[in-house]
Amino acid sequence: MCAMARPRKPLLSTDRIVDTARELVDAEGLAAVSTRRLAAELGVSGPSLYNHFRTKDEILEAVADSVSAQVDLSMFEDGRDWRTALHDWAVSYRAALRDHPNIVPVLARGPGRRPAALRLADAVYGAMVDAGWPPAQATSIGALMRYFIMGSALGSFAGGFPDDASAYDPADYPHLGQAHRLAEQQEKVDERAFETGLTALLDGLAQQYAEVARSA
């Protein structure tokens, strides 16, 4: 009697659980994730998940960290000046959040003990200190950028206006006559708004940096 051949790869792995959970979050939101639903999607029994994660929250934390791991950090290592590096990092960070907007509320809690998120925070803070920013201001810059990027990913300004010209009575909203066109240009409007805000932030920081340099 022949023994049954072992599968070439394990039926279940941490990466497979995280990938499947991330797909669920992307498609249906945080509420869609449960150990029962994940087990069904993975084709395994529910208790087998506990060999990898103790709780649903641990799974969501791992999903959040997998998104943080998508953010490019090379700009802090290849000699770019602090302003260029901060700009390029912010663009990469926002792109990751734009691709996975439903996980943003978990990311917004802070890095906690998530390895990729901690590496991200360490890279930004370290780059600012190395550039000559005082430690307290380097911390503030990291927090400021995080608030700005997270906020930009929580929702679309342009997408919040209905594509219906009749929704804007000129008697009530005299300046919103073209607002119904924002929805069809959502990506362009939101990208332009992000770049406008990012440039304004960096311009302001550059002025502060000049003051820091003079003081030094």
N, C-alpha and C. Protein backbone atom coordinates (compact mmCIF):
# COMPACT_ATOMS: atom_id res chain seq x y z
N MET A 1 0.86 -1.20 0.00
CA MET A 1 0.00 0.00 0.00
C MET A 1 0.89 1.24 0.00
N CYS A 2 0.65 2.13 -0.93
CA CYS A 2 1.49 3.33 -1.06
C CYS A 2 1.07 4.38 -0.04
N ALA A 3 2.08 4.99 0.57
CA ALA A 3 1.78 6.10 1.49
C ALA A 3 1.42 7.34 0.70
N MET A 4 0.51 8.13 1.26
CA MET A 4 0.11 9.36 0.59
C MET A 4 1.28 10.34 0.56
N ALA A 5 1.55 10.91 -0.61
CA ALA A 5 2.66 11.86 -0.75
C ALA A 5 2.36 13.14 0.03
N ARG A 6 3.39 13.67 0.65
CA ARG A 6 3.23 14.93 1.37
C ARG A 6 3.12 16.09 0.38
N PRO A 7 2.35 17.10 0.71
CA PRO A 7 2.28 18.26 -0.18
C PRO A 7 3.64 18.93 -0.27
N ARG A 8 3.93 19.53 -1.43
CA ARG A 8 5.22 20.16 -1.63
C ARG A 8 5.43 21.38 -0.74
N LYS A 9 4.37 22.04 -0.37
CA LYS A 9 4.49 23.17 0.53
C LYS A 9 3.40 23.07 1.60
N PRO A 10 3.64 23.62 2.78
CA PRO A 10 2.64 23.52 3.85
C PRO A 10 1.30 24.11 3.42
N LEU A 11 0.25 23.49 3.90
CA LEU A 11 -1.09 23.96 3.57
C LEU A 11 -1.32 25.37 4.10
N LEU A 12 -0.73 25.66 5.24
CA LEU A 12 -0.96 26.95 5.87
C LEU A 12 0.36 27.55 6.30
N SER A 13 0.48 28.86 6.13
CA SER A 13 1.67 29.58 6.57
C SER A 13 1.25 30.97 7.02
N THR A 14 2.12 31.62 7.79
CA THR A 14 1.82 32.98 8.25
C THR A 14 1.61 33.90 7.06
N ASP A 15 2.49 33.82 6.07
CA ASP A 15 2.37 34.70 4.91
C ASP A 15 1.06 34.48 4.16
N ARG A 16 0.66 33.22 4.05
CA ARG A 16 -0.58 32.93 3.32
C ARG A 16 -1.79 33.49 4.08
N ILE A 17 -1.77 33.38 5.39
CA ILE A 17 -2.86 33.94 6.19
C ILE A 17 -2.92 35.45 6.01
N VAL A 18 -1.76 36.10 6.10
CA VAL A 18 -1.72 37.56 5.99
C VAL A 18 -2.16 38.01 4.60
N ASP A 19 -1.69 37.33 3.57
CA ASP A 19 -2.07 37.70 2.20
C ASP A 19 -3.58 37.57 2.00
N THR A 20 -4.15 36.49 2.50
CA THR A 20 -5.59 36.28 2.35
C THR A 20 -6.38 37.30 3.15
N ALA A 21 -5.93 37.60 4.36
CA ALA A 21 -6.61 38.60 5.18
C ALA A 21 -6.53 39.97 4.53
N ARG A 22 -5.39 40.30 3.95
CA ARG A 22 -5.24 41.60 3.29
C ARG A 22 -6.19 41.70 2.09
N GLU A 23 -6.33 40.62 1.34
CA GLU A 23 -7.25 40.62 0.21
C GLU A 23 -8.68 40.84 0.68
N LEU A 24 -9.05 40.21 1.80
CA LEU A 24 -10.39 40.41 2.36
C LEU A 24 -10.61 41.85 2.79
N VAL A 25 -9.61 42.41 3.49
CA VAL A 25 -9.72 43.80 3.94
C VAL A 25 -9.84 44.74 2.75
N ASP A 26 -9.02 44.52 1.74
CA ASP A 26 -9.07 45.36 0.55
C ASP A 26 -10.44 45.31 -0.12
N ALA A 27 -10.99 44.11 -0.21
CA ALA A 27 -12.24 43.92 -0.95
C ALA A 27 -13.48 44.29 -0.16
N GLU A 28 -13.47 44.00 1.16
CA GLU A 28 -14.71 44.12 1.93
C GLU A 28 -14.59 44.93 3.20
N GLY A 29 -13.38 45.32 3.59
CA GLY A 29 -13.22 46.11 4.80
C GLY A 29 -12.83 45.27 6.00
N LEU A 30 -12.52 45.96 7.10
CA LEU A 30 -12.05 45.30 8.31
C LEU A 30 -13.06 44.32 8.89
N ALA A 31 -14.33 44.65 8.79
CA ALA A 31 -15.37 43.81 9.39
C ALA A 31 -15.46 42.44 8.73
N ALA A 32 -14.92 42.31 7.52
CA ALA A 32 -15.01 41.03 6.82
C ALA A 32 -14.06 39.99 7.40
N VAL A 33 -13.08 40.44 8.17
CA VAL A 33 -12.07 39.51 8.67
C VAL A 33 -12.53 38.87 9.98
N SER A 34 -12.61 37.58 9.98
CA SER A 34 -12.85 36.80 11.19
C SER A 34 -12.09 35.50 11.02
N THR A 35 -11.81 34.83 12.12
CA THR A 35 -11.08 33.57 12.00
C THR A 35 -11.90 32.54 11.22
N ARG A 36 -13.20 32.57 11.41
CA ARG A 36 -14.06 31.62 10.68
C ARG A 36 -14.01 31.89 9.18
N ARG A 37 -14.12 33.18 8.81
CA ARG A 37 -14.10 33.54 7.39
C ARG A 37 -12.74 33.22 6.78
N LEU A 38 -11.68 33.54 7.49
CA LEU A 38 -10.34 33.28 6.98
C LEU A 38 -10.11 31.78 6.79
N ALA A 39 -10.53 31.01 7.76
CA ALA A 39 -10.38 29.56 7.65
C ALA A 39 -11.10 29.03 6.42
N ALA A 40 -12.30 29.54 6.17
CA ALA A 40 -13.06 29.11 4.99
C ALA A 40 -12.34 29.50 3.71
N GLU A 41 -11.82 30.72 3.66
CA GLU A 41 -11.11 31.19 2.47
C GLU A 41 -9.85 30.36 2.22
N LEU A 42 -9.20 29.95 3.30
CA LEU A 42 -7.95 29.20 3.19
C LEU A 42 -8.17 27.69 3.04
N GLY A 43 -9.40 27.26 3.29
CA GLY A 43 -9.70 25.85 3.17
C GLY A 43 -9.12 25.02 4.31
N VAL A 44 -9.10 25.59 5.51
CA VAL A 44 -8.57 24.88 6.67
C VAL A 44 -9.57 24.98 7.81
N SER A 45 -9.29 24.28 8.89
CA SER A 45 -10.14 24.38 10.07
C SER A 45 -9.76 25.62 10.87
N GLY A 46 -10.74 26.21 11.52
CA GLY A 46 -10.50 27.44 12.30
C GLY A 46 -9.36 27.33 13.30
N PRO A 47 -9.32 26.28 14.12
CA PRO A 47 -8.27 26.18 15.14
C PRO A 47 -6.85 26.18 14.57
N SER A 48 -6.68 25.78 13.31
CA SER A 48 -5.33 25.74 12.75
C SER A 48 -4.73 27.14 12.62
N LEU A 49 -5.58 28.16 12.55
CA LEU A 49 -5.06 29.53 12.48
C LEU A 49 -4.33 29.92 13.76
N TYR A 50 -4.75 29.33 14.87
CA TYR A 50 -4.17 29.71 16.17
C TYR A 50 -2.74 29.20 16.34
N ASN A 51 -2.28 28.36 15.41
CA ASN A 51 -0.87 27.98 15.43
C ASN A 51 0.01 29.13 14.94
N HIS A 52 -0.62 30.14 14.31
CA HIS A 52 0.12 31.26 13.74
C HIS A 52 -0.25 32.59 14.40
N PHE A 53 -1.53 32.76 14.73
CA PHE A 53 -2.00 34.00 15.34
C PHE A 53 -2.98 33.65 16.46
N ARG A 54 -2.85 34.37 17.58
CA ARG A 54 -3.73 34.08 18.71
C ARG A 54 -5.10 34.71 18.57
N THR A 55 -5.17 35.87 17.91
CA THR A 55 -6.43 36.60 17.83
C THR A 55 -6.60 37.23 16.44
N LYS A 56 -7.81 37.67 16.18
CA LYS A 56 -8.09 38.41 14.95
C LYS A 56 -7.29 39.70 14.93
N ASP A 57 -7.17 40.37 16.06
CA ASP A 57 -6.41 41.62 16.11
C ASP A 57 -4.96 41.41 15.71
N GLU A 58 -4.38 40.29 16.09
CA GLU A 58 -3.00 40.00 15.70
C GLU A 58 -2.90 39.85 14.18
N ILE A 59 -3.91 39.27 13.58
CA ILE A 59 -3.92 39.13 12.13
C ILE A 59 -3.99 40.49 11.46
N LEU A 60 -4.86 41.37 11.96
CA LEU A 60 -4.98 42.70 11.38
C LEU A 60 -3.70 43.51 11.57
N GLU A 61 -3.05 43.33 12.71
CA GLU A 61 -1.77 44.00 12.94
C GLU A 61 -0.75 43.53 11.90
N ALA A 62 -0.75 42.25 11.60
CA ALA A 62 0.18 41.70 10.61
C ALA A 62 -0.15 42.22 9.21
N VAL A 63 -1.43 42.34 8.91
CA VAL A 63 -1.84 42.90 7.62
C VAL A 63 -1.35 44.35 7.51
N ALA A 64 -1.55 45.11 8.58
CA ALA A 64 -1.09 46.50 8.57
C ALA A 64 0.41 46.58 8.35
N ASP A 65 1.14 45.69 9.00
CA ASP A 65 2.60 45.74 8.86
C ASP A 65 3.03 45.32 7.47
N SER A 66 2.28 44.45 6.83
CA SER A 66 2.61 44.06 5.47
C SER A 66 2.46 45.23 4.51
N VAL A 67 1.54 46.14 4.82
CA VAL A 67 1.38 47.35 4.01
C VAL A 67 2.52 48.33 4.29
N SER A 68 2.90 48.47 5.56
CA SER A 68 4.04 49.33 5.90
C SER A 68 5.31 48.85 5.19
N ALA A 69 5.43 47.55 5.03
CA ALA A 69 6.62 46.99 4.39
C ALA A 69 6.70 47.34 2.91
N GLN A 70 5.59 47.81 2.33
CA GLN A 70 5.59 48.19 0.92
C GLN A 70 6.15 49.60 0.69
N VAL A 71 6.34 50.34 1.78
CA VAL A 71 6.84 51.72 1.65
C VAL A 71 8.34 51.70 1.38
N ASP A 72 8.76 52.43 0.36
CA ASP A 72 10.17 52.51 -0.01
C ASP A 72 10.93 53.36 1.01
N LEU A 73 12.06 52.86 1.49
CA LEU A 73 12.89 53.61 2.43
C LEU A 73 14.28 53.90 1.86
N SER A 74 14.50 53.54 0.60
CA SER A 74 15.83 53.68 0.02
C SER A 74 16.29 55.13 -0.07
N MET A 75 15.35 56.06 -0.12
CA MET A 75 15.71 57.47 -0.25
C MET A 75 16.46 58.01 0.97
N PHE A 76 16.36 57.29 2.08
CA PHE A 76 17.08 57.72 3.28
C PHE A 76 18.49 57.13 3.34
N GLU A 77 18.83 56.34 2.33
CA GLU A 77 20.12 55.65 2.34
C GLU A 77 21.00 55.98 1.14
N ASP A 78 20.46 56.68 0.14
CA ASP A 78 21.22 56.85 -1.11
C ASP A 78 21.75 58.27 -1.32
N GLY A 79 21.77 59.07 -0.25
CA GLY A 79 22.41 60.38 -0.35
C GLY A 79 21.50 61.53 -0.72
N ARG A 80 20.21 61.30 -0.86
CA ARG A 80 19.29 62.40 -1.15
C ARG A 80 19.24 63.36 0.03
N ASP A 81 19.10 64.65 -0.24
CA ASP A 81 18.98 65.62 0.85
C ASP A 81 17.68 65.37 1.60
N TRP A 82 17.59 65.88 2.83
CA TRP A 82 16.48 65.54 3.71
C TRP A 82 15.13 65.90 3.10
N ARG A 83 15.07 67.06 2.40
CA ARG A 83 13.77 67.47 1.85
C ARG A 83 13.34 66.54 0.71
N THR A 84 14.24 66.23 -0.20
CA THR A 84 13.91 65.34 -1.30
C THR A 84 13.54 63.95 -0.78
N ALA A 85 14.32 63.49 0.20
CA ALA A 85 14.04 62.17 0.77
C ALA A 85 12.66 62.14 1.44
N LEU A 86 12.34 63.19 2.17
CA LEU A 86 11.05 63.24 2.86
C LEU A 86 9.90 63.28 1.85
N HIS A 87 10.09 64.03 0.78
CA HIS A 87 9.07 64.10 -0.28
C HIS A 87 8.86 62.73 -0.92
N ASP A 88 9.95 62.09 -1.32
CA ASP A 88 9.84 60.81 -2.03
C ASP A 88 9.28 59.72 -1.13
N TRP A 89 9.65 59.77 0.15
CA TRP A 89 9.10 58.81 1.10
C TRP A 89 7.60 59.01 1.27
N ALA A 90 7.18 60.26 1.39
CA ALA A 90 5.75 60.57 1.57
C ALA A 90 4.94 60.07 0.38
N VAL A 91 5.46 60.25 -0.82
CA VAL A 91 4.77 59.78 -2.03
C VAL A 91 4.64 58.25 -2.01
N SER A 92 5.72 57.57 -1.62
CA SER A 92 5.68 56.11 -1.56
C SER A 92 4.71 55.63 -0.49
N TYR A 93 4.73 56.30 0.65
CA TYR A 93 3.85 55.92 1.76
C TYR A 93 2.39 56.09 1.36
N ARG A 94 2.09 57.22 0.75
CA ARG A 94 0.70 57.46 0.34
C ARG A 94 0.26 56.44 -0.71
N ALA A 95 1.17 56.07 -1.61
CA ALA A 95 0.82 55.09 -2.64
C ALA A 95 0.43 53.75 -2.01
N ALA A 96 1.17 53.35 -0.98
CA ALA A 96 0.84 52.09 -0.29
C ALA A 96 -0.52 52.18 0.37
N LEU A 97 -0.81 53.31 1.00
CA LEU A 97 -2.10 53.47 1.67
C LEU A 97 -3.24 53.60 0.66
N ARG A 98 -2.95 54.24 -0.46
CA ARG A 98 -3.98 54.38 -1.50
C ARG A 98 -4.38 53.02 -2.05
N ASP A 99 -3.41 52.10 -2.12
CA ASP A 99 -3.71 50.75 -2.62
C ASP A 99 -4.44 49.89 -1.58
N HIS A 100 -4.33 50.27 -0.31
CA HIS A 100 -4.96 49.49 0.77
C HIS A 100 -5.65 50.42 1.77
N PRO A 101 -6.62 51.21 1.32
CA PRO A 101 -7.22 52.23 2.19
C PRO A 101 -7.97 51.67 3.40
N ASN A 102 -8.49 50.46 3.30
CA ASN A 102 -9.31 49.94 4.40
C ASN A 102 -8.51 49.58 5.64
N ILE A 103 -7.19 49.44 5.48
CA ILE A 103 -6.36 49.09 6.64
C ILE A 103 -5.84 50.35 7.34
N VAL A 104 -6.09 51.52 6.79
CA VAL A 104 -5.56 52.76 7.37
C VAL A 104 -5.96 52.95 8.84
N PRO A 105 -7.21 52.66 9.24
CA PRO A 105 -7.54 52.83 10.66
C PRO A 105 -6.66 52.03 11.61
N VAL A 106 -6.19 50.86 11.18
CA VAL A 106 -5.29 50.06 12.01
C VAL A 106 -3.90 50.71 12.03
N LEU A 107 -3.43 51.14 10.87
CA LEU A 107 -2.14 51.80 10.79
C LEU A 107 -2.12 53.09 11.61
N ALA A 108 -3.25 53.76 11.66
CA ALA A 108 -3.32 55.05 12.35
C ALA A 108 -3.15 54.93 13.86
N ARG A 109 -3.23 53.72 14.40
CA ARG A 109 -3.03 53.54 15.84
C ARG A 109 -1.58 53.76 16.24
N GLY A 110 -0.68 53.76 15.27
CA GLY A 110 0.74 53.90 15.58
C GLY A 110 1.47 52.61 15.28
N PRO A 111 2.80 52.64 15.31
CA PRO A 111 3.58 51.46 14.93
C PRO A 111 3.50 50.32 15.92
N GLY A 112 3.22 50.63 17.20
CA GLY A 112 3.14 49.56 18.19
C GLY A 112 4.41 48.73 18.21
N ARG A 113 4.25 47.43 18.01
CA ARG A 113 5.39 46.51 17.95
C ARG A 113 5.59 45.94 16.54
N ARG A 114 4.96 46.56 15.55
CA ARG A 114 5.06 46.04 14.18
C ARG A 114 6.44 46.33 13.61
N PRO A 115 7.18 45.32 13.19
CA PRO A 115 8.57 45.51 12.75
C PRO A 115 8.73 46.48 11.59
N ALA A 116 7.94 46.32 10.52
CA ALA A 116 8.10 47.19 9.35
C ALA A 116 7.75 48.63 9.69
N ALA A 117 6.72 48.81 10.51
CA ALA A 117 6.33 50.16 10.90
C ALA A 117 7.39 50.81 11.77
N LEU A 118 8.02 50.03 12.63
CA LEU A 118 9.09 50.56 13.47
C LEU A 118 10.32 50.91 12.63
N ARG A 119 10.62 50.09 11.63
CA ARG A 119 11.74 50.41 10.74
C ARG A 119 11.47 51.71 9.98
N LEU A 120 10.23 51.91 9.60
CA LEU A 120 9.84 53.12 8.90
C LEU A 120 10.05 54.34 9.81
N ALA A 121 9.55 54.27 11.04
CA ALA A 121 9.71 55.38 11.98
C ALA A 121 11.18 55.64 12.27
N ASP A 122 11.95 54.58 12.42
CA ASP A 122 13.37 54.71 12.71
C ASP A 122 14.11 55.38 11.55
N ALA A 123 13.75 55.02 10.32
CA ALA A 123 14.42 55.58 9.15
C ALA A 123 14.16 57.07 9.02
N VAL A 124 12.92 57.49 9.23
CA VAL A 124 12.58 58.91 9.11
C VAL A 124 13.26 59.72 10.20
N TYR A 125 13.12 59.27 11.42
CA TYR A 125 13.72 60.00 12.54
C TYR A 125 15.24 60.06 12.39
N GLY A 126 15.85 58.94 12.05
CA GLY A 126 17.30 58.91 11.91
C GLY A 126 17.79 59.83 10.81
N ALA A 127 17.07 59.87 9.69
CA ALA A 127 17.47 60.73 8.59
C ALA A 127 17.37 62.20 8.95
N MET A 128 16.35 62.56 9.70
CA MET A 128 16.20 63.96 10.08
C MET A 128 17.30 64.37 11.07
N VAL A 129 17.59 63.53 12.04
CA VAL A 129 18.66 63.84 12.99
C VAL A 129 20.01 63.92 12.28
N ASP A 130 20.24 62.99 11.37
CA ASP A 130 21.51 63.01 10.62
C ASP A 130 21.64 64.26 9.76
N ALA A 131 20.49 64.81 9.33
CA ALA A 131 20.51 66.02 8.50
C ALA A 131 20.73 67.28 9.33
N GLY A 132 20.69 67.15 10.66
CA GLY A 132 20.94 68.30 11.51
C GLY A 132 19.75 68.81 12.29
N TRP A 133 18.61 68.15 12.13
CA TRP A 133 17.46 68.56 12.91
C TRP A 133 17.65 68.14 14.37
N PRO A 134 17.30 69.00 15.32
CA PRO A 134 17.34 68.59 16.73
C PRO A 134 16.38 67.41 16.95
N PRO A 135 16.71 66.51 17.86
CA PRO A 135 15.86 65.32 18.06
C PRO A 135 14.39 65.63 18.29
N ALA A 136 14.07 66.66 19.08
CA ALA A 136 12.67 66.97 19.35
C ALA A 136 11.95 67.37 18.07
N GLN A 137 12.61 68.16 17.23
CA GLN A 137 11.98 68.58 15.98
C GLN A 137 11.90 67.43 14.99
N ALA A 138 12.90 66.55 15.02
CA ALA A 138 12.85 65.37 14.15
C ALA A 138 11.64 64.50 14.50
N THR A 139 11.36 64.38 15.80
CA THR A 139 10.16 63.64 16.23
C THR A 139 8.90 64.31 15.73
N SER A 140 8.85 65.64 15.84
CA SER A 140 7.67 66.38 15.39
C SER A 140 7.47 66.24 13.89
N ILE A 141 8.57 66.24 13.14
CA ILE A 141 8.47 66.09 11.69
C ILE A 141 7.88 64.72 11.33
N GLY A 142 8.37 63.68 11.99
CA GLY A 142 7.83 62.35 11.74
C GLY A 142 6.34 62.28 12.03
N ALA A 143 5.94 62.88 13.14
CA ALA A 143 4.52 62.88 13.51
C ALA A 143 3.70 63.70 12.52
N LEU A 144 4.19 64.88 12.16
CA LEU A 144 3.50 65.74 11.22
C LEU A 144 3.27 65.05 9.89
N MET A 145 4.31 64.43 9.34
CA MET A 145 4.18 63.77 8.06
C MET A 145 3.20 62.61 8.13
N ARG A 146 3.25 61.92 9.24
CA ARG A 146 2.34 60.78 9.40
C ARG A 146 0.89 61.25 9.45
N TYR A 147 0.62 62.34 10.19
CA TYR A 147 -0.74 62.88 10.24
C TYR A 147 -1.21 63.26 8.83
N PHE A 148 -0.34 63.93 8.10
CA PHE A 148 -0.71 64.41 6.78
C PHE A 148 -0.98 63.26 5.81
N ILE A 149 -0.08 62.29 5.80
CA ILE A 149 -0.23 61.17 4.86
C ILE A 149 -1.43 60.31 5.22
N MET A 150 -1.58 60.01 6.50
CA MET A 150 -2.73 59.20 6.93
C MET A 150 -4.04 59.91 6.60
N GLY A 151 -4.08 61.21 6.87
CA GLY A 151 -5.30 61.97 6.60
C GLY A 151 -5.66 61.95 5.13
N SER A 152 -4.65 62.04 4.27
CA SER A 152 -4.91 62.04 2.83
C SER A 152 -5.45 60.70 2.35
N ALA A 153 -5.17 59.64 3.11
CA ALA A 153 -5.58 58.31 2.69
C ALA A 153 -6.93 57.89 3.27
N LEU A 154 -7.43 58.63 4.24
CA LEU A 154 -8.67 58.23 4.91
C LEU A 154 -9.91 58.43 4.05
N GLY A 155 -9.82 59.30 3.07
CA GLY A 155 -10.98 59.53 2.22
C GLY A 155 -10.62 60.45 1.08
N SER A 156 -11.47 60.48 0.07
CA SER A 156 -11.24 61.32 -1.09
C SER A 156 -12.10 62.58 -1.00
N PHE A 157 -11.46 63.74 -1.07
CA PHE A 157 -12.21 65.01 -1.12
C PHE A 157 -13.09 65.05 -2.36
N ALA A 158 -12.49 64.79 -3.51
CA ALA A 158 -13.23 64.88 -4.77
C ALA A 158 -14.35 63.85 -4.83
N GLY A 159 -14.08 62.65 -4.28
CA GLY A 159 -15.07 61.60 -4.33
C GLY A 159 -16.25 61.84 -3.40
N GLY A 160 -16.16 62.85 -2.56
CA GLY A 160 -17.23 63.13 -1.61
C GLY A 160 -18.35 63.98 -2.17
N PHE A 161 -18.20 64.44 -3.42
CA PHE A 161 -19.24 65.25 -4.05
C PHE A 161 -20.03 64.40 -5.02
N PRO A 162 -21.38 64.42 -4.93
CA PRO A 162 -22.18 63.61 -5.85
C PRO A 162 -22.08 64.11 -7.28
N ASP A 163 -22.11 63.16 -8.20
CA ASP A 163 -22.05 63.48 -9.62
C ASP A 163 -23.44 63.86 -10.12
N ASP A 164 -23.95 64.96 -9.58
CA ASP A 164 -25.32 65.38 -9.86
C ASP A 164 -25.40 66.90 -9.74
N ALA A 165 -25.47 67.57 -10.86
CA ALA A 165 -25.48 69.04 -10.86
C ALA A 165 -26.66 69.60 -10.07
N SER A 166 -27.77 68.87 -10.00
CA SER A 166 -28.95 69.38 -9.30
C SER A 166 -28.78 69.40 -7.79
N ALA A 167 -27.69 68.78 -7.30
CA ALA A 167 -27.47 68.75 -5.84
C ALA A 167 -27.00 70.09 -5.31
N TYR A 168 -26.64 70.99 -6.21
CA TYR A 168 -26.05 72.26 -5.78
C TYR A 168 -26.91 73.43 -6.27
N ASP A 169 -27.86 73.81 -5.46
CA ASP A 169 -28.72 74.95 -5.78
C ASP A 169 -27.89 76.23 -5.67
N PRO A 170 -27.79 77.01 -6.74
CA PRO A 170 -26.99 78.25 -6.69
C PRO A 170 -27.41 79.19 -5.58
N ALA A 171 -28.65 79.12 -5.18
CA ALA A 171 -29.12 79.99 -4.09
C ALA A 171 -28.47 79.61 -2.77
N ASP A 172 -28.17 78.34 -2.62
CA ASP A 172 -27.56 77.86 -1.38
C ASP A 172 -26.04 77.74 -1.48
N TYR A 173 -25.57 77.34 -2.68
CA TYR A 173 -24.13 77.09 -2.86
C TYR A 173 -23.66 77.81 -4.13
N PRO A 174 -23.51 79.11 -4.06
CA PRO A 174 -23.20 79.89 -5.25
C PRO A 174 -21.85 79.56 -5.89
N HIS A 175 -20.95 78.91 -5.15
CA HIS A 175 -19.61 78.65 -5.69
C HIS A 175 -19.38 77.18 -6.03
N LEU A 176 -20.43 76.37 -5.99
CA LEU A 176 -20.27 74.94 -6.26
C LEU A 176 -20.94 74.50 -7.56
N GLY A 177 -21.03 75.40 -8.49
CA GLY A 177 -21.70 75.08 -9.75
C GLY A 177 -21.02 73.99 -10.55
N GLN A 178 -19.72 73.80 -10.35
CA GLN A 178 -18.99 72.77 -11.09
C GLN A 178 -18.56 71.60 -10.19
N ALA A 179 -19.05 71.59 -8.97
CA ALA A 179 -18.60 70.57 -8.02
C ALA A 179 -18.98 69.16 -8.46
N HIS A 180 -20.05 69.02 -9.24
CA HIS A 180 -20.47 67.69 -9.67
C HIS A 180 -19.45 67.04 -10.61
N ARG A 181 -18.52 67.83 -11.12
CA ARG A 181 -17.50 67.28 -12.02
C ARG A 181 -16.28 66.74 -11.28
N LEU A 182 -16.22 66.99 -9.99
CA LEU A 182 -15.06 66.54 -9.23
C LEU A 182 -14.93 65.03 -9.19
N ALA A 183 -16.06 64.34 -9.07
CA ALA A 183 -16.02 62.88 -8.93
C ALA A 183 -15.34 62.22 -10.11
N GLU A 184 -15.59 62.72 -11.33
CA GLU A 184 -15.00 62.08 -12.51
C GLU A 184 -13.51 62.36 -12.63
N GLN A 185 -13.02 63.36 -11.88
CA GLN A 185 -11.59 63.69 -11.89
C GLN A 185 -10.97 63.42 -10.52
N GLN A 186 -11.56 62.47 -9.81
CA GLN A 186 -11.18 62.22 -8.42
C GLN A 186 -9.69 62.00 -8.23
N GLU A 187 -9.11 61.09 -9.01
CA GLU A 187 -7.69 60.78 -8.81
C GLU A 187 -6.81 61.99 -9.07
N LYS A 188 -7.09 62.74 -10.15
CA LYS A 188 -6.29 63.91 -10.48
C LYS A 188 -6.40 64.97 -9.39
N VAL A 189 -7.62 65.22 -8.93
CA VAL A 189 -7.83 66.25 -7.90
C VAL A 189 -7.12 65.86 -6.60
N ASP A 190 -7.28 64.61 -6.20
CA ASP A 190 -6.68 64.17 -4.94
C ASP A 190 -5.15 64.16 -5.02
N GLU A 191 -4.58 63.75 -6.16
CA GLU A 191 -3.13 63.76 -6.31
C GLU A 191 -2.59 65.19 -6.26
N ARG A 192 -3.29 66.09 -6.93
CA ARG A 192 -2.85 67.49 -6.95
C ARG A 192 -2.94 68.10 -5.56
N ALA A 193 -4.00 67.77 -4.84
CA ALA A 193 -4.16 68.29 -3.47
C ALA A 193 -3.05 67.77 -2.57
N PHE A 194 -2.71 66.49 -2.72
CA PHE A 194 -1.64 65.91 -1.90
C PHE A 194 -0.31 66.60 -2.19
N GLU A 195 0.01 66.78 -3.45
CA GLU A 195 1.28 67.43 -3.82
C GLU A 195 1.30 68.89 -3.36
N THR A 196 0.17 69.57 -3.44
CA THR A 196 0.10 70.96 -2.98
C THR A 196 0.37 71.04 -1.48
N GLY A 197 -0.28 70.17 -0.73
CA GLY A 197 -0.08 70.16 0.72
C GLY A 197 1.33 69.74 1.10
N LEU A 198 1.86 68.74 0.39
CA LEU A 198 3.21 68.25 0.69
C LEU A 198 4.25 69.33 0.42
N THR A 199 4.09 70.04 -0.69
CA THR A 199 5.02 71.13 -1.01
C THR A 199 4.95 72.22 0.04
N ALA A 200 3.73 72.56 0.47
CA ALA A 200 3.58 73.60 1.49
C ALA A 200 4.24 73.18 2.80
N LEU A 201 4.06 71.93 3.18
CA LEU A 201 4.69 71.42 4.41
C LEU A 201 6.21 71.49 4.31
N LEU A 202 6.74 71.04 3.19
CA LEU A 202 8.19 71.01 3.03
C LEU A 202 8.78 72.42 2.93
N ASP A 203 8.04 73.33 2.30
CA ASP A 203 8.49 74.73 2.26
C ASP A 203 8.59 75.30 3.67
N GLY A 204 7.59 75.02 4.47
CA GLY A 204 7.60 75.51 5.85
C GLY A 204 8.73 74.89 6.66
N LEU A 205 8.95 73.60 6.46
CA LEU A 205 10.05 72.94 7.17
C LEU A 205 11.40 73.49 6.72
N ALA A 206 11.52 73.81 5.43
CA ALA A 206 12.78 74.36 4.94
C ALA A 206 13.10 75.70 5.61
N GLN A 207 12.06 76.50 5.86
CA GLN A 207 12.27 77.76 6.57
C GLN A 207 12.74 77.51 8.00
N GLN A 208 12.12 76.53 8.65
CA GLN A 208 12.55 76.18 10.01
C GLN A 208 13.97 75.65 10.01
N TYR A 209 14.30 74.88 8.99
CA TYR A 209 15.64 74.30 8.91
C TYR A 209 16.71 75.40 8.78
N ALA A 210 16.37 76.43 8.02
CA ALA A 210 17.31 77.55 7.89
C ALA A 210 17.54 78.21 9.24
N GLU A 211 16.50 78.31 10.04
CA GLU A 211 16.63 78.88 11.38
C GLU A 211 17.50 77.97 12.26
N VAL A 212 17.30 76.67 12.12
CA VAL A 212 18.11 75.72 12.88
C VAL A 212 19.58 75.86 12.51
N ALA A 213 19.85 76.00 11.22
CA ALA A 213 21.23 76.13 10.74
C ALA A 213 21.88 77.41 11.27
N ARG A 214 21.09 78.50 11.26
CA ARG A 214 21.63 79.77 11.77
C ARG A 214 21.92 79.68 13.25
N SER A 215 21.03 79.03 13.99
CA SER A 215 21.22 78.89 15.43
C SER A 215 22.46 78.04 15.74
N ALA A 216 22.67 77.03 14.92
CA ALA A 216 23.82 76.14 15.13
C ALA A 216 25.11 76.88 14.86
